[in-house]
Amino acid sequence: MIKFAERLQELRKEKPATQQAMADFLKIKLRSYQHYEGGDRRPDYEGLVALADYFGVTTDYLLGRTDVR
């Protein structure tokens, strides 16, 4: 799920937001968020939807299923 990790990092930097700010937004620990960007873990369904809403993109875009934001 490398595409997810890459897109998440790209969107965060475009915002711009820190990893800590994203972790706070998702109400998770910083290290957990860092695992998302590192490609080691993925958010649960609620986290995925929250990220898509935060960045104004679709979940399909975040997951790499489409290139249409």
N, C-alpha and C. Protein backbone atom coordinates (compact mmCIF):
# COMPACT_ATOMS: atom_id res chain seq x y z
N MET A 1 0.84 -1.19 0.00
CA MET A 1 0.00 0.00 0.00
C MET A 1 0.88 1.25 0.00
N ILE A 2 1.94 1.19 -0.80
CA ILE A 2 2.87 2.30 -0.90
C ILE A 2 2.18 3.54 -1.46
N LYS A 3 1.29 3.38 -2.41
CA LYS A 3 0.60 4.51 -3.01
C LYS A 3 -0.09 5.35 -1.94
N PHE A 4 -0.75 4.68 -0.97
CA PHE A 4 -1.43 5.39 0.11
C PHE A 4 -0.43 6.22 0.89
N ALA A 5 0.68 5.63 1.28
CA ALA A 5 1.69 6.32 2.07
C ALA A 5 2.23 7.54 1.33
N GLU A 6 2.51 7.37 0.04
CA GLU A 6 3.04 8.47 -0.77
C GLU A 6 2.02 9.59 -0.91
N ARG A 7 0.80 9.23 -1.17
CA ARG A 7 -0.24 10.25 -1.35
C ARG A 7 -0.53 10.98 -0.05
N LEU A 8 -0.54 10.26 1.04
CA LEU A 8 -0.78 10.89 2.33
C LEU A 8 0.30 11.92 2.64
N GLN A 9 1.53 11.55 2.43
CA GLN A 9 2.64 12.47 2.69
C GLN A 9 2.57 13.68 1.75
N GLU A 10 2.29 13.44 0.50
CA GLU A 10 2.17 14.51 -0.49
C GLU A 10 1.07 15.50 -0.11
N LEU A 11 -0.08 14.99 0.25
CA LEU A 11 -1.21 15.84 0.64
C LEU A 11 -0.91 16.63 1.90
N ARG A 12 -0.25 15.99 2.86
CA ARG A 12 0.08 16.69 4.11
C ARG A 12 1.04 17.84 3.83
N LYS A 13 2.01 17.62 2.98
CA LYS A 13 2.97 18.68 2.67
C LYS A 13 2.34 19.80 1.87
N GLU A 14 1.37 19.50 1.03
CA GLU A 14 0.66 20.52 0.26
C GLU A 14 -0.15 21.43 1.18
N LYS A 15 -0.62 20.89 2.30
CA LYS A 15 -1.57 21.61 3.16
C LYS A 15 -1.02 22.94 3.67
N PRO A 16 0.10 23.19 4.22
CA PRO A 16 1.03 22.26 4.84
C PRO A 16 0.61 21.97 6.28
N ALA A 17 0.94 20.78 6.72
CA ALA A 17 0.65 20.37 8.09
C ALA A 17 1.80 19.49 8.57
N THR A 18 2.01 19.48 9.85
CA THR A 18 3.04 18.61 10.42
C THR A 18 2.46 17.23 10.69
N GLN A 19 3.34 16.28 10.86
CA GLN A 19 2.89 14.94 11.23
C GLN A 19 2.18 14.98 12.58
N GLN A 20 2.68 15.81 13.49
CA GLN A 20 2.04 15.92 14.80
C GLN A 20 0.63 16.48 14.68
N ALA A 21 0.46 17.48 13.81
CA ALA A 21 -0.87 18.06 13.61
C ALA A 21 -1.84 17.01 13.06
N MET A 22 -1.35 16.17 12.16
CA MET A 22 -2.20 15.12 11.59
C MET A 22 -2.55 14.08 12.65
N ALA A 23 -1.58 13.72 13.46
CA ALA A 23 -1.84 12.76 14.53
C ALA A 23 -2.88 13.32 15.50
N ASP A 24 -2.74 14.59 15.83
CA ASP A 24 -3.71 15.23 16.72
C ASP A 24 -5.10 15.24 16.10
N PHE A 25 -5.17 15.54 14.81
CA PHE A 25 -6.45 15.56 14.10
C PHE A 25 -7.13 14.19 14.16
N LEU A 26 -6.34 13.15 13.97
CA LEU A 26 -6.89 11.78 13.97
C LEU A 26 -7.04 11.20 15.38
N LYS A 27 -6.53 11.95 16.36
CA LYS A 27 -6.57 11.50 17.77
C LYS A 27 -5.81 10.18 17.95
N ILE A 28 -4.60 10.15 17.34
CA ILE A 28 -3.72 8.99 17.48
C ILE A 28 -2.34 9.50 17.89
N LYS A 29 -1.47 8.58 18.25
CA LYS A 29 -0.11 8.96 18.62
C LYS A 29 0.69 9.30 17.37
N LEU A 30 1.68 10.16 17.55
CA LEU A 30 2.54 10.57 16.44
C LEU A 30 3.15 9.36 15.74
N ARG A 31 3.65 8.43 16.51
CA ARG A 31 4.30 7.25 15.91
C ARG A 31 3.34 6.45 15.04
N SER A 32 2.09 6.37 15.46
CA SER A 32 1.09 5.67 14.65
C SER A 32 0.91 6.36 13.31
N TYR A 33 0.84 7.69 13.33
CA TYR A 33 0.71 8.43 12.07
C TYR A 33 1.95 8.22 11.20
N GLN A 34 3.11 8.24 11.82
CA GLN A 34 4.34 8.05 11.06
C GLN A 34 4.36 6.69 10.36
N HIS A 35 3.75 5.71 10.99
CA HIS A 35 3.64 4.39 10.35
C HIS A 35 2.75 4.46 9.11
N TYR A 36 1.75 5.31 9.12
CA TYR A 36 0.90 5.49 7.93
C TYR A 36 1.74 6.00 6.77
N GLU A 37 2.51 7.05 7.02
CA GLU A 37 3.34 7.63 5.95
C GLU A 37 4.49 6.71 5.57
N GLY A 38 4.91 5.87 6.48
CA GLY A 38 5.99 4.93 6.19
C GLY A 38 5.52 3.70 5.44
N GLY A 39 4.21 3.53 5.34
CA GLY A 39 3.66 2.39 4.63
C GLY A 39 3.59 1.13 5.46
N ASP A 40 3.84 1.25 6.77
CA ASP A 40 3.82 0.08 7.65
C ASP A 40 2.43 -0.25 8.17
N ARG A 41 1.58 0.76 8.25
CA ARG A 41 0.21 0.58 8.75
C ARG A 41 -0.75 1.41 7.93
N ARG A 42 -2.03 1.09 8.08
CA ARG A 42 -3.09 1.85 7.41
C ARG A 42 -4.13 2.24 8.45
N PRO A 43 -4.80 3.37 8.22
CA PRO A 43 -5.84 3.78 9.17
C PRO A 43 -7.06 2.87 9.05
N ASP A 44 -7.88 2.89 10.08
CA ASP A 44 -9.15 2.17 10.00
C ASP A 44 -10.09 2.95 9.09
N TYR A 45 -11.27 2.40 8.88
CA TYR A 45 -12.23 3.01 7.96
C TYR A 45 -12.54 4.46 8.35
N GLU A 46 -12.79 4.70 9.63
CA GLU A 46 -13.12 6.06 10.07
C GLU A 46 -11.96 7.02 9.84
N GLY A 47 -10.75 6.54 10.08
CA GLY A 47 -9.56 7.36 9.85
C GLY A 47 -9.37 7.68 8.38
N LEU A 48 -9.61 6.70 7.53
CA LEU A 48 -9.48 6.91 6.09
C LEU A 48 -10.46 7.96 5.60
N VAL A 49 -11.70 7.85 6.05
CA VAL A 49 -12.73 8.83 5.65
C VAL A 49 -12.38 10.21 6.19
N ALA A 50 -11.90 10.27 7.43
CA ALA A 50 -11.53 11.56 8.02
C ALA A 50 -10.40 12.22 7.23
N LEU A 51 -9.42 11.43 6.81
CA LEU A 51 -8.31 11.97 6.02
C LEU A 51 -8.80 12.47 4.67
N ALA A 52 -9.65 11.71 4.02
CA ALA A 52 -10.19 12.12 2.72
C ALA A 52 -10.96 13.44 2.87
N ASP A 53 -11.77 13.55 3.89
CA ASP A 53 -12.53 14.78 4.12
C ASP A 53 -11.59 15.95 4.43
N TYR A 54 -10.59 15.71 5.25
CA TYR A 54 -9.63 16.76 5.64
C TYR A 54 -8.92 17.34 4.42
N PHE A 55 -8.50 16.45 3.51
CA PHE A 55 -7.75 16.89 2.34
C PHE A 55 -8.64 17.21 1.15
N GLY A 56 -9.92 16.93 1.25
CA GLY A 56 -10.83 17.22 0.15
C GLY A 56 -10.62 16.32 -1.06
N VAL A 57 -10.28 15.06 -0.79
CA VAL A 57 -10.09 14.09 -1.86
C VAL A 57 -10.98 12.88 -1.59
N THR A 58 -11.04 11.98 -2.55
CA THR A 58 -11.82 10.76 -2.35
C THR A 58 -10.97 9.70 -1.66
N THR A 59 -11.63 8.75 -1.06
CA THR A 59 -10.89 7.63 -0.47
C THR A 59 -10.21 6.82 -1.57
N ASP A 60 -10.83 6.73 -2.73
CA ASP A 60 -10.20 6.03 -3.86
C ASP A 60 -8.88 6.69 -4.25
N TYR A 61 -8.84 8.02 -4.20
CA TYR A 61 -7.59 8.72 -4.51
C TYR A 61 -6.53 8.37 -3.46
N LEU A 62 -6.91 8.45 -2.20
CA LEU A 62 -5.95 8.12 -1.13
C LEU A 62 -5.42 6.70 -1.27
N LEU A 63 -6.27 5.78 -1.66
CA LEU A 63 -5.86 4.39 -1.76
C LEU A 63 -5.16 4.06 -3.07
N GLY A 64 -5.07 5.03 -3.97
CA GLY A 64 -4.38 4.80 -5.24
C GLY A 64 -5.21 4.11 -6.29
N ARG A 65 -6.53 4.09 -6.08
CA ARG A 65 -7.41 3.44 -7.06
C ARG A 65 -7.76 4.33 -8.23
N THR A 66 -7.54 5.64 -8.06
CA THR A 66 -7.79 6.60 -9.14
C THR A 66 -6.81 7.76 -8.97
N ASP A 67 -6.58 8.47 -10.05
CA ASP A 67 -5.74 9.66 -9.98
C ASP A 67 -6.56 10.92 -9.92
N VAL A 68 -7.88 10.78 -9.89
CA VAL A 68 -8.80 11.91 -9.78
C VAL A 68 -9.02 12.22 -8.31
N ARG A 69 -8.64 13.42 -7.92
CA ARG A 69 -8.76 13.78 -6.51
C ARG A 69 -10.21 13.94 -6.13
